[in-house]
Protein backbone atom coordinates (compact mmCIF):
# COMPACT_ATOMS: atom_id res chain seq x y z
CA UNK A 1 105.10 131.10 98.83
CA UNK A 2 105.51 128.30 96.27
CA UNK A 3 104.26 128.87 92.72
CA UNK A 4 100.91 127.29 91.91
CA UNK A 5 102.33 125.07 89.19
CA UNK A 6 104.81 123.56 91.67
CA UNK A 7 101.92 122.76 94.00
CA UNK A 8 100.10 121.06 91.12
CA UNK A 9 103.20 119.05 90.24
CA UNK A 10 103.56 118.00 93.87
CA UNK A 11 99.92 116.87 93.98
CA UNK A 12 100.38 114.95 90.74
CA UNK A 13 103.47 113.25 92.13
CA UNK A 14 101.57 112.30 95.29
CA UNK A 15 98.73 110.85 93.23
CA UNK A 16 101.22 108.89 91.15
CA UNK A 17 102.85 107.50 94.29
CA UNK A 18 99.45 106.48 95.63
CA UNK A 19 98.73 104.63 92.38
CA UNK A 20 102.19 103.10 92.22
CA UNK A 21 102.28 101.82 95.78
CA UNK A 22 98.58 101.43 96.58
CA UNK A 23 97.04 99.69 93.57
CA UNK A 24 99.10 96.50 94.02
CA UNK A 25 97.49 96.02 97.43
CA UNK A 26 94.02 96.02 95.85
CA UNK A 27 95.12 93.69 93.04
CA UNK A 28 96.75 91.22 95.39
CA UNK A 29 93.85 91.34 97.84
CA UNK A 30 91.49 90.38 95.00
CA UNK A 31 93.79 87.54 93.95
CA UNK A 32 94.67 89.21 90.65
CA UNK A 33 98.16 88.87 89.15
CA UNK A 34 100.42 91.90 89.54
CA UNK A 35 102.07 92.81 86.25
CA UNK A 36 105.48 94.37 86.71
CA UNK A 37 104.95 96.61 83.68
CA UNK A 38 102.02 98.43 85.34
CA UNK A 39 104.05 100.99 87.38
CA UNK A 40 106.06 101.97 84.31
CA UNK A 41 102.85 102.27 82.30
CA UNK A 42 101.42 104.58 84.96
CA UNK A 43 104.57 106.71 84.93
CA UNK A 44 104.10 107.28 81.21
CA UNK A 45 100.32 107.48 81.00
CA UNK A 46 99.36 109.58 84.03
CA UNK A 47 101.38 112.74 83.11
CA UNK A 48 100.27 112.60 79.47
CA UNK A 49 96.61 112.18 80.39
CA UNK A 50 96.75 114.72 83.23
CA UNK A 51 98.66 117.51 81.47
CA UNK A 52 97.72 116.87 77.86
CA UNK A 53 94.60 114.81 77.19
CA UNK A 54 92.27 116.11 79.92
CA UNK A 55 93.14 119.85 79.56
CA UNK A 56 92.88 119.68 75.77
CA UNK A 57 89.62 117.75 75.95
CA UNK A 58 88.03 120.15 78.44
CA UNK A 59 89.23 123.15 76.45
CA UNK A 60 87.77 121.62 73.30
CA UNK A 61 84.45 121.10 75.07
CA UNK A 62 84.31 124.75 76.15
CA UNK A 63 85.47 125.97 72.73
CA UNK A 64 82.64 124.09 71.07
CA UNK A 65 80.28 126.80 72.37
CA UNK A 66 82.39 129.53 70.76
CA UNK A 67 84.11 128.28 67.61
CA UNK A 68 83.82 124.88 65.94
CA UNK A 69 87.20 125.09 64.25
CA UNK A 70 89.01 125.81 67.51
CA UNK A 71 87.09 123.01 69.24
CA UNK A 72 88.03 120.53 66.52
CA UNK A 73 91.69 121.49 66.79
CA UNK A 74 91.72 121.09 70.58
CA UNK A 75 89.90 117.75 70.47
CA UNK A 76 92.30 116.55 67.77
CA UNK A 77 95.16 117.53 70.08
CA UNK A 78 93.60 115.47 72.89
CA UNK A 79 93.21 112.56 70.47
CA UNK A 80 96.93 112.75 69.61
CA UNK A 81 97.72 112.42 73.31
CA UNK A 82 95.51 109.35 73.63
CA UNK A 83 97.14 107.79 70.57
CA UNK A 84 100.56 108.39 72.12
CA UNK A 85 99.44 106.67 75.33
CA UNK A 86 98.06 103.71 73.38
CA UNK A 87 101.28 103.34 71.36
CA UNK A 88 103.35 103.44 74.56
CA UNK A 89 101.18 100.82 76.23
CA UNK A 90 101.27 98.60 73.14
CA UNK A 91 105.07 98.83 73.11
CA UNK A 92 105.33 97.97 76.80
CA UNK A 93 103.03 94.99 76.25
CA UNK A 94 105.59 93.54 73.83
CA UNK A 95 108.54 93.87 76.22
CA UNK A 96 109.76 90.99 78.43
CA UNK A 97 108.71 93.03 81.46
CA UNK A 98 105.07 92.46 80.51
CA UNK A 99 105.48 88.74 81.21
CA UNK A 100 106.76 89.27 84.75
CA UNK A 101 103.90 88.65 87.13
CA UNK A 102 103.53 88.08 90.83
CA UNK A 103 100.84 85.46 91.43
CA UNK A 104 100.16 82.19 93.15
CA UNK A 105 101.58 81.72 96.63
CA UNK A 106 103.89 84.69 96.11
CA UNK A 107 100.86 86.91 96.45
CA UNK A 108 100.84 86.66 100.24
CA UNK A 109 104.51 87.62 100.53
CA UNK A 110 104.09 90.32 97.90
CA UNK A 111 101.18 91.86 99.77
CA UNK A 112 103.21 92.09 102.97
CA UNK A 113 106.11 93.73 101.13
CA UNK A 114 103.80 96.10 99.24
CA UNK A 115 101.96 97.07 102.42
CA UNK A 116 105.15 97.92 104.29
CA UNK A 117 106.52 99.91 101.37
CA UNK A 118 103.25 101.75 100.72
CA UNK A 119 102.83 102.80 104.34
CA UNK A 120 106.39 104.09 104.55
CA UNK A 121 106.42 105.90 101.22
CA UNK A 122 102.99 107.51 101.65
CA UNK A 123 103.35 108.39 105.34
CA UNK A 124 107.03 109.39 105.48
CA UNK A 125 108.04 112.19 103.14
CA UNK A 126 111.68 111.97 104.14
CA UNK A 127 113.97 110.22 106.51
CA UNK A 128 115.94 106.95 106.70
CA UNK A 129 112.84 104.79 106.18
CA UNK A 130 112.32 105.97 102.60
CA UNK A 131 115.39 104.12 101.23
CA UNK A 132 114.23 101.04 103.16
CA UNK A 133 110.83 101.24 101.47
CA UNK A 134 112.50 101.60 98.09
CA UNK A 135 114.55 98.49 98.88
CA UNK A 136 111.37 96.59 99.77
CA UNK A 137 109.89 97.48 96.41
CA UNK A 138 113.07 96.30 94.68
CA UNK A 139 112.51 92.95 96.41
CA UNK A 140 108.90 92.99 95.21
CA UNK A 141 110.00 93.54 91.62
CA UNK A 142 112.61 90.78 91.88
CA UNK A 143 110.16 88.14 93.14
CA UNK A 144 109.12 86.93 89.65
CA UNK A 145 112.75 86.01 89.00
CA UNK A 146 112.62 83.51 91.87
CA UNK A 147 110.22 81.36 89.83
CA UNK A 148 108.73 79.81 92.94
CA UNK A 149 106.09 77.12 92.38
CA UNK A 150 102.62 77.43 93.86
CA UNK A 151 101.40 74.58 96.02
CA UNK A 152 104.80 73.49 97.34
CA UNK A 153 107.73 71.74 95.70
CA UNK A 154 107.23 68.29 94.23
CA UNK A 155 110.08 65.79 93.94
CA UNK A 156 110.65 63.18 91.26
CA UNK A 157 107.80 60.66 91.30
CA UNK A 158 105.46 62.94 93.26
CA UNK A 159 101.95 63.69 92.02
CA UNK A 160 99.60 66.49 92.99
CA UNK A 161 96.01 66.02 91.84
CA UNK A 162 93.37 68.74 91.88
CA UNK A 163 89.72 68.11 91.11
CA UNK A 164 88.27 71.58 90.63
CA UNK A 165 84.76 72.45 91.71
CA UNK A 166 83.16 73.31 88.35
CA UNK A 167 79.61 72.26 89.14
CA UNK A 168 78.14 69.49 87.00
CA UNK A 169 81.27 68.96 84.93
CA UNK A 170 84.85 67.75 85.12
CA UNK A 171 88.22 69.48 85.35
CA UNK A 172 91.21 67.72 86.93
CA UNK A 173 94.73 69.16 87.15
CA UNK A 174 97.69 66.79 87.44
CA UNK A 175 101.05 68.21 88.55
CA UNK A 176 104.51 66.68 88.69
CA UNK A 177 107.80 68.28 89.69
CA UNK A 178 108.04 70.26 86.45
CA UNK A 179 104.81 69.55 84.55
CA UNK A 180 101.12 70.42 84.50
CA UNK A 181 98.31 68.59 82.67
CA UNK A 182 94.58 69.29 82.63
CA UNK A 183 91.97 66.60 82.06
CA UNK A 184 88.77 68.26 80.79
CA UNK A 185 87.81 71.91 81.15
CA UNK A 186 84.41 71.97 82.84
CA UNK A 187 81.18 73.25 81.35
CA UNK A 188 79.31 76.42 80.45
CA UNK A 189 77.14 78.38 82.87
CA UNK A 190 75.15 80.60 80.52
CA UNK A 191 75.30 84.37 80.00
CA UNK A 192 78.67 83.99 78.30
CA UNK A 193 80.34 82.39 81.32
CA UNK A 194 82.14 79.07 81.46
CA UNK A 195 84.37 77.09 83.81
CA UNK A 196 87.50 78.13 81.92
CA UNK A 197 87.16 81.87 82.47
CA UNK A 198 85.33 81.68 85.82
CA UNK A 199 87.30 78.96 87.60
CA UNK A 200 90.22 77.38 85.77
CA UNK A 201 92.12 80.43 84.50
CA UNK A 202 91.92 82.30 87.85
CA UNK A 203 92.89 79.13 89.74
CA UNK A 204 95.85 78.35 87.47
CA UNK A 205 97.11 81.92 87.66
CA UNK A 206 96.75 81.91 91.43
CA UNK A 207 98.82 78.72 91.49
CA UNK A 208 101.49 80.40 89.35
CA UNK A 209 100.80 78.20 86.31
CA UNK A 210 101.21 80.16 83.07
CA UNK A 211 101.38 77.16 80.73
CA UNK A 212 100.08 73.60 80.54
CA UNK A 213 102.02 70.73 79.02
CA UNK A 214 98.80 69.29 77.64
CA UNK A 215 95.03 69.48 77.90
CA UNK A 216 93.00 66.29 77.43
CA UNK A 217 89.38 66.71 76.32
CA UNK A 218 87.92 63.31 77.11
CA UNK A 219 84.93 63.70 74.77
CA UNK A 220 82.74 66.38 73.23
CA UNK A 221 80.05 66.80 75.91
CA UNK A 222 79.80 70.45 76.93
CA UNK A 223 80.28 69.74 80.65
CA UNK A 224 83.80 68.52 79.78
CA UNK A 225 84.78 70.95 77.00
CA UNK A 226 82.87 74.15 77.84
CA UNK A 227 85.93 75.97 79.18
CA UNK A 228 88.35 74.90 76.42
CA UNK A 229 88.17 78.04 74.30
CA UNK A 230 88.59 80.54 77.13
CA UNK A 231 91.32 78.41 78.69
CA UNK A 232 93.25 78.19 75.42
CA UNK A 233 93.06 81.95 74.90
CA UNK A 234 94.48 82.72 78.36
CA UNK A 235 96.90 79.85 79.08
CA UNK A 236 99.61 78.45 76.79
CA UNK A 237 98.85 74.81 75.97
CA UNK A 238 101.67 72.64 74.65
CA UNK A 239 99.48 69.84 73.26
CA UNK A 240 95.79 69.01 72.97
CA UNK A 241 94.47 65.43 73.14
CA UNK A 242 90.86 64.66 72.26
CA UNK A 243 88.49 61.71 72.53
CA UNK A 244 85.26 61.09 70.68
CA UNK A 245 84.38 64.12 68.57
CA UNK A 246 85.89 66.66 70.98
CA UNK A 247 88.25 67.95 68.29
CA UNK A 248 85.33 69.91 66.82
CA UNK A 249 85.12 72.21 69.85
CA UNK A 250 88.68 73.48 69.37
CA UNK A 251 89.26 76.77 67.52
CA UNK A 252 90.34 76.57 63.89
CA UNK A 253 94.06 76.04 63.49
CA UNK A 254 94.55 74.25 66.82
CA UNK A 255 96.16 70.85 66.24
CA UNK A 256 95.05 67.96 68.46
CA UNK A 257 96.12 64.34 68.76
CA UNK A 258 93.64 61.52 69.42
CA UNK A 259 93.97 59.86 72.83
CA UNK A 260 94.35 56.36 71.49
CA UNK A 261 95.80 53.28 73.15
CA UNK A 262 99.59 53.25 72.96
CA UNK A 263 100.03 57.02 73.30
CA UNK A 264 102.21 57.48 76.38
CA UNK A 265 104.82 59.77 77.90
CA UNK A 266 106.91 60.08 81.04
CA UNK A 267 107.83 63.16 83.03
CA UNK A 268 109.58 63.59 86.37
CA UNK A 269 109.29 59.91 87.25
CA UNK A 270 105.58 59.74 86.42
CA UNK A 271 104.13 57.74 83.51
CA UNK A 272 101.01 58.75 81.55
CA UNK A 273 99.27 56.45 79.09
CA UNK A 274 95.88 56.07 77.47
CA UNK A 275 94.09 52.75 77.93
CA UNK A 276 91.51 53.01 75.16
CA UNK A 277 91.20 54.51 71.70
CA UNK A 278 88.94 57.38 72.68
CA UNK A 279 87.01 56.98 69.43
CA UNK A 280 84.24 54.93 67.95
CA UNK A 281 82.09 53.05 70.44
CA UNK A 282 78.33 53.12 70.69
CA UNK A 283 78.09 56.61 72.15
CA UNK A 284 80.08 59.77 72.75
CA UNK A 285 80.39 58.85 76.43
CA UNK A 286 81.94 55.46 75.66
CA UNK A 287 84.43 57.20 73.38
CA UNK A 288 85.87 59.09 76.37
CA UNK A 289 89.62 59.09 76.89
CA UNK A 290 90.78 56.89 79.76
CA UNK A 291 94.11 58.06 81.19
CA UNK A 292 96.27 56.13 83.65
CA UNK A 293 98.81 58.12 85.67
CA UNK A 294 101.35 56.09 87.62
CA UNK A 295 104.27 57.19 89.77
CA UNK A 296 107.52 55.29 89.34
CA UNK A 297 108.47 55.92 92.98
CA UNK A 298 108.43 52.82 95.22
CA UNK A 299 105.58 52.89 97.75
CA UNK A 300 106.08 53.16 101.49
CA UNK A 301 104.32 50.13 102.95
CA UNK A 302 106.31 49.22 106.03
CA UNK A 303 103.27 49.56 108.29
CA UNK A 304 101.06 47.25 106.21
CA UNK A 305 100.73 43.50 106.29
CA UNK A 306 101.94 41.43 103.33
CA UNK A 307 98.56 41.27 101.58
CA UNK A 308 97.86 44.98 101.77
CA UNK A 309 101.49 45.79 100.93
CA UNK A 310 101.21 43.82 97.70
CA UNK A 311 97.98 45.57 96.85
CA UNK A 312 99.50 48.96 97.60
CA UNK A 313 102.54 48.19 95.44
CA UNK A 314 100.35 47.50 92.41
CA UNK A 315 98.36 50.70 92.67
CA UNK A 316 100.41 53.12 94.78
CA UNK A 317 100.87 56.50 93.20
CA UNK A 318 98.34 55.70 90.48
CA UNK A 319 95.31 57.63 89.24
CA UNK A 320 92.71 56.47 86.70
CA UNK A 321 90.81 59.25 84.92
CA UNK A 322 87.80 57.89 83.08
CA UNK A 323 85.71 60.70 81.59
CA UNK A 324 82.12 59.57 81.02
CA UNK A 325 82.67 55.91 80.13
CA UNK A 326 79.73 53.60 80.72
CA UNK A 327 79.10 49.87 80.91
CA UNK A 328 80.33 49.03 77.38
CA UNK A 329 83.67 50.78 77.79
CA UNK A 330 84.18 49.35 81.26
CA UNK A 331 83.66 45.86 79.86
CA UNK A 332 86.12 46.60 77.04
CA UNK A 333 88.76 47.62 79.59
CA UNK A 334 88.44 44.52 81.79
CA UNK A 335 90.65 42.25 79.60
CA UNK A 336 93.58 44.56 80.39
CA UNK A 337 93.57 42.99 83.85
CA UNK A 338 94.32 44.18 87.33
CA UNK A 339 97.98 44.92 86.64
CA UNK A 340 97.05 47.59 84.08
CA UNK A 341 93.89 48.95 85.74
CA UNK A 342 94.73 48.93 89.47
CA UNK A 343 94.66 52.47 90.84
CA UNK A 344 94.54 54.07 94.26
CA UNK A 345 92.51 57.04 93.00
CA UNK A 346 89.63 56.57 90.58
CA UNK A 347 87.61 59.27 88.90
CA UNK A 348 84.10 57.87 89.22
CA UNK A 349 82.96 57.28 85.62
CA UNK A 350 80.20 59.53 84.30
CA UNK A 351 79.81 61.48 87.55
CA UNK A 352 78.39 58.40 89.30
CA UNK A 353 75.63 57.64 86.79
CA UNK A 354 73.82 54.32 87.24
CA UNK A 355 75.15 53.27 83.79
CA UNK A 356 78.74 53.24 85.09
CA UNK A 357 80.90 52.01 87.99
CA UNK A 358 79.92 48.39 87.51
CA UNK A 359 80.83 45.90 90.21
CA UNK A 360 83.26 44.01 87.96
CA UNK A 361 85.06 47.23 87.02
CA UNK A 362 85.47 48.30 90.66
CA UNK A 363 86.68 44.83 91.62
CA UNK A 364 89.49 45.04 89.06
CA UNK A 365 90.54 48.65 89.71
CA UNK A 366 90.23 48.27 93.52
CA UNK A 367 90.59 51.98 94.29
CA UNK A 368 91.14 53.38 97.76
CA UNK A 369 89.32 56.61 96.95
CA UNK A 370 86.78 57.70 94.33
CA UNK A 371 86.40 61.27 93.11
CA UNK A 372 82.89 62.37 92.11
CA UNK A 373 82.58 65.63 90.18
CA UNK A 374 79.00 66.81 90.60
CA UNK A 375 76.99 69.98 90.84
CA UNK A 376 75.10 70.40 94.10
CA UNK A 377 71.55 69.05 93.71
CA UNK A 378 72.15 68.60 89.98
CA UNK A 379 69.19 67.79 87.73
CA UNK A 380 70.61 64.35 86.87
CA UNK A 381 70.63 63.36 90.56
CA UNK A 382 74.24 62.20 90.25
CA UNK A 383 75.66 60.20 91.92
CA UNK A 384 73.08 57.42 91.89
CA UNK A 385 72.29 55.76 95.22
CA UNK A 386 73.08 52.27 93.88
CA UNK A 387 76.47 53.47 92.65
CA UNK A 388 77.33 54.96 96.03
CA UNK A 389 76.28 51.70 97.64
CA UNK A 390 78.71 49.75 95.44
CA UNK A 391 81.58 52.01 96.46
CA UNK A 392 80.69 51.82 100.15
CA UNK A 393 80.37 48.04 99.98
CA UNK A 394 84.02 47.93 98.90
CA UNK A 395 85.09 50.42 101.59
CA UNK A 396 86.17 52.96 99.00
CA UNK A 397 86.50 56.49 100.31
CA UNK A 398 84.09 58.86 98.54
CA UNK A 399 85.03 62.48 97.86
CA UNK A 400 82.42 64.65 96.14
CA UNK A 401 82.82 68.13 94.71
CA UNK A 402 79.21 69.00 95.55
CA UNK A 403 79.95 68.38 99.24
CA UNK A 404 83.72 68.92 99.54
CA UNK A 405 84.30 71.60 96.89
CA UNK A 406 87.68 71.49 95.17
CA UNK A 407 89.71 68.46 96.26
CA UNK A 408 93.50 68.05 96.34
CA UNK A 409 95.32 64.74 96.71
CA UNK A 410 99.10 64.56 97.04
CA UNK A 411 101.35 61.55 96.50
CA UNK A 412 104.71 62.45 98.05
CA UNK A 413 107.69 60.41 99.19
CA UNK A 414 106.00 57.16 98.23
CA UNK A 415 102.69 57.63 100.07
CA UNK A 416 99.37 59.38 99.64
CA UNK A 417 98.74 62.24 102.04
CA UNK A 418 95.38 63.03 103.60
CA UNK A 419 93.02 64.78 101.16
CA UNK A 420 92.52 68.52 101.32
CA UNK A 421 89.00 69.81 100.63
CA UNK A 422 88.33 73.47 99.93
CA UNK A 423 84.80 73.54 101.31
CA UNK A 424 84.65 73.44 105.10
CA UNK A 425 82.86 70.57 106.77
CA UNK A 426 80.53 72.90 108.66
CA UNK A 427 77.07 73.48 107.27
CA UNK A 428 76.18 76.72 105.49
CA UNK A 429 72.71 78.14 105.97
CA UNK A 430 72.15 78.36 102.20
CA UNK A 431 72.92 74.67 101.54
CA UNK A 432 69.82 72.57 102.13
CA UNK A 433 70.32 69.63 104.50
CA UNK A 434 74.04 69.33 103.85
CA UNK A 435 75.64 66.98 106.35
CA UNK A 436 79.14 67.41 107.80
CA UNK A 437 81.63 65.49 105.67
CA UNK A 438 85.01 64.19 106.75
CA UNK A 439 87.96 64.90 104.48
CA UNK A 440 91.07 63.81 106.30
CA UNK A 441 91.66 60.08 105.94
CA UNK A 442 95.05 58.66 105.02
CA UNK A 443 94.86 56.94 101.65
CA UNK A 444 97.86 54.75 102.42
CA UNK A 445 95.62 52.65 104.69
CA UNK A 446 93.70 49.77 103.14
CA UNK A 447 90.81 49.73 103.65
CA UNK A 448 90.31 53.42 104.58
CA UNK A 449 87.55 52.55 107.05
CA UNK A 450 85.42 55.29 108.52
CA UNK A 451 86.03 57.72 105.67
CA UNK A 452 82.84 57.43 103.65
CA UNK A 453 80.34 60.30 103.85
CA UNK A 454 76.84 59.07 104.57
CA UNK A 455 75.39 61.05 101.68
CA UNK A 456 72.06 60.44 100.07
CA UNK A 457 72.21 59.14 96.53
CA UNK A 458 70.24 60.42 93.59
CA UNK A 459 68.45 58.95 90.63
CA UNK A 460 69.80 58.63 87.10
């Protein structure tokens, strides 16, 4: 018969194996990043807590009924064990291993590997399958070294554009082959929640993005800057750009540059440049940053006639992000002309307010698709019915976050691919009178006929 202490050690080892090989399945199933330092932390913490902290703490609790001095000594001993655990965890947090994470599209592969290894190691006590399971876990630990990119590989000149569903606010991610930029950070939701912590940080981590080249805060309105603080505390940001008075929402010590005309950069065959000064103006909205993003890759237009091919060449691979500009700023931009303003994808100014998206502005930009970032049944009744009518009259495809959810547009190999919308077209019983919306039209076709949702407009 085995000694009792050996049985206890065996049970402890089994519990540790269950934690080591089972917890990653729960983390990955919930979409949480898997830190490679966690198994080592468990190896150190579980024995100390099990054989030191808990016994000493329980003994101190019992001793408190008999002798206060003995109880104090035992509880102090338990405290020493907790301090040792905390020091070990703090040390591990500073090691390079703490920065190794499995997240993004690796999560699906990781879950498969973890599941196979966990089943083998927990079900098979011995045999030839145990080394195989250990090998699977070695592969799992090596996955962060592969540095795979979420969302598929982008080549030089390619652009991937994400408009996140952050309710009545704006947050747009722009990706190139090696770079990531975020335009606005959404708003606040109350009760200490905001778009940064609730949507952007989880989404970026799921996509395998640990750092952003820059974050542009178009202006100071809370529906555009509400997630800035939580985003900056969780994601490394290389540079901040601000328009209007948005610099005041940044934490003390964070340096930001104004998004003024003439500020430009290139990365991976994609040019970024601001078209206005992002300051002054008659209102905070009109001081919004206006960012043009243009791919340097030649467009693929072999299937178009000469007129449409010329139009595509001017605007192919181009995105115009406008913040909340209104009539005055749109008029100020018009002298730049069609060559500077033409864009295939246009962020509808000011969420589709009736004070924006003037006919003259749309006629110069001539977009193929317009992105509206709205909360479902928002109190401002955005987008306005007259604004939607102007877009439809010009056969501009309308994509709305309140109907389509998060929206992804990809410009690859010289052409725009069909949009991808996160929210399914089918109706949900909790969404009042939502109509089925199409989200699959090719943007390389001018005009993109038949793509517009027949959605009811609002008021303001």
